[in-house]
Amino acid sequence: MIPLGAGNGALKLTTARYFTPSGRPIQDAGIVPTIEVSQPSPTNQQSQPSGLQSFVPPDPKDDKALHAALDVLRGQRPR
């Protein structure tokens, strides 16, 4: 508990550890994708905000990640 001053309450911090379904902790290395899909970003990104962003094409037929996910759900190998 961290008091925030007279009449302002307090802040309670909690911590947790996260694990994959197989029991491997992900705090240190994170998750490495089993299937990597590259989606080319448009050359004109002036309207995109700065920072790390994932590009999702406006037309679903152009979304490579979507098609790869659907292939996996269908039991097919991603294109």
Protein backbone atom coordinates (compact mmCIF):
# COMPACT_ATOMS: atom_id res chain seq x y z
CA MET A 1 0.00 0.00 0.00
CA ILE A 2 1.29 3.41 -0.96
CA PRO A 3 -0.51 6.32 0.73
CA LEU A 4 -1.30 9.19 -1.66
CA GLY A 5 -1.52 11.88 0.99
CA ALA A 6 -4.17 13.11 3.40
CA GLY A 7 -7.66 12.50 2.02
CA ASN A 8 -6.39 11.12 -1.30
CA GLY A 9 -6.55 7.41 -0.47
CA ALA A 10 -3.85 4.88 -1.27
CA LEU A 11 -2.51 2.83 -4.14
CA LYS A 12 -2.31 -0.94 -3.80
CA LEU A 13 0.28 -2.62 -6.03
CA THR A 14 0.05 -6.28 -6.86
CA THR A 15 2.39 -8.50 -8.83
CA ALA A 16 1.75 -11.65 -10.78
CA ARG A 17 3.67 -14.21 -12.77
CA TYR A 18 2.34 -15.36 -16.11
CA PHE A 19 2.77 -18.83 -17.60
CA THR A 20 2.03 -20.54 -20.90
CA PRO A 21 -0.44 -23.45 -20.85
CA SER A 22 2.57 -25.81 -20.71
CA GLY A 23 3.78 -24.08 -17.52
CA ARG A 24 6.70 -22.08 -18.97
CA PRO A 25 7.04 -18.61 -17.37
CA ILE A 26 6.96 -15.73 -19.87
CA GLN A 27 8.28 -12.86 -17.75
CA ASP A 28 11.87 -13.07 -19.04
CA ALA A 29 11.70 -13.98 -22.73
CA GLY A 30 8.08 -13.34 -23.62
CA ILE A 31 6.27 -15.39 -26.22
CA VAL A 32 7.93 -16.49 -29.45
CA PRO A 33 5.34 -17.06 -32.16
CA THR A 34 4.97 -20.58 -33.53
CA ILE A 35 3.93 -19.15 -36.89
CA GLU A 36 5.32 -15.82 -38.04
CA VAL A 37 3.36 -13.87 -40.64
CA SER A 38 4.78 -10.74 -42.26
CA GLN A 39 2.31 -8.13 -43.35
CA PRO A 40 3.89 -5.55 -45.64
CA SER A 41 2.99 -2.06 -44.47
CA PRO A 42 1.92 0.57 -46.97
CA THR A 43 4.58 2.97 -48.23
CA ASN A 44 2.40 5.96 -47.27
CA GLN A 45 2.20 5.88 -43.47
CA GLN A 46 1.77 9.60 -42.86
CA SER A 47 -1.63 8.98 -41.27
CA GLN A 48 -0.20 6.36 -38.88
CA PRO A 49 0.60 7.52 -35.34
CA SER A 50 4.21 7.29 -34.25
CA GLY A 51 5.43 4.38 -32.15
CA LEU A 52 5.14 0.66 -32.62
CA GLN A 53 1.98 -0.15 -34.53
CA SER A 54 0.74 -3.23 -36.30
CA PHE A 55 -0.65 -2.53 -39.73
CA VAL A 56 -4.02 -4.13 -40.42
CA PRO A 57 -5.16 -3.72 -44.04
CA PRO A 58 -8.58 -2.11 -44.37
CA ASP A 59 -9.73 -4.91 -46.71
CA PRO A 60 -9.82 -8.34 -44.98
CA LYS A 61 -8.82 -10.10 -48.23
CA ASP A 62 -5.40 -8.39 -47.93
CA ASP A 63 -4.84 -9.35 -44.27
CA LYS A 64 -2.17 -12.09 -44.30
CA ALA A 65 -2.34 -12.68 -40.52
CA LEU A 66 -6.11 -13.22 -40.73
CA HIS A 67 -5.72 -15.76 -43.53
CA ALA A 68 -2.92 -17.58 -41.68
CA ALA A 69 -5.11 -17.81 -38.55
CA LEU A 70 -8.04 -19.14 -40.56
CA ASP A 71 -5.77 -21.73 -42.21
CA VAL A 72 -4.62 -22.95 -38.78
CA LEU A 73 -8.24 -23.17 -37.56
CA ARG A 74 -9.10 -25.23 -40.66
CA GLY A 75 -6.19 -27.57 -39.95
CA GLN A 76 -4.25 -26.36 -42.97
CA ARG A 77 -0.69 -25.15 -43.18
CA PRO A 78 -0.54 -21.31 -43.32
CA ARG A 79 0.28 -19.91 -46.77
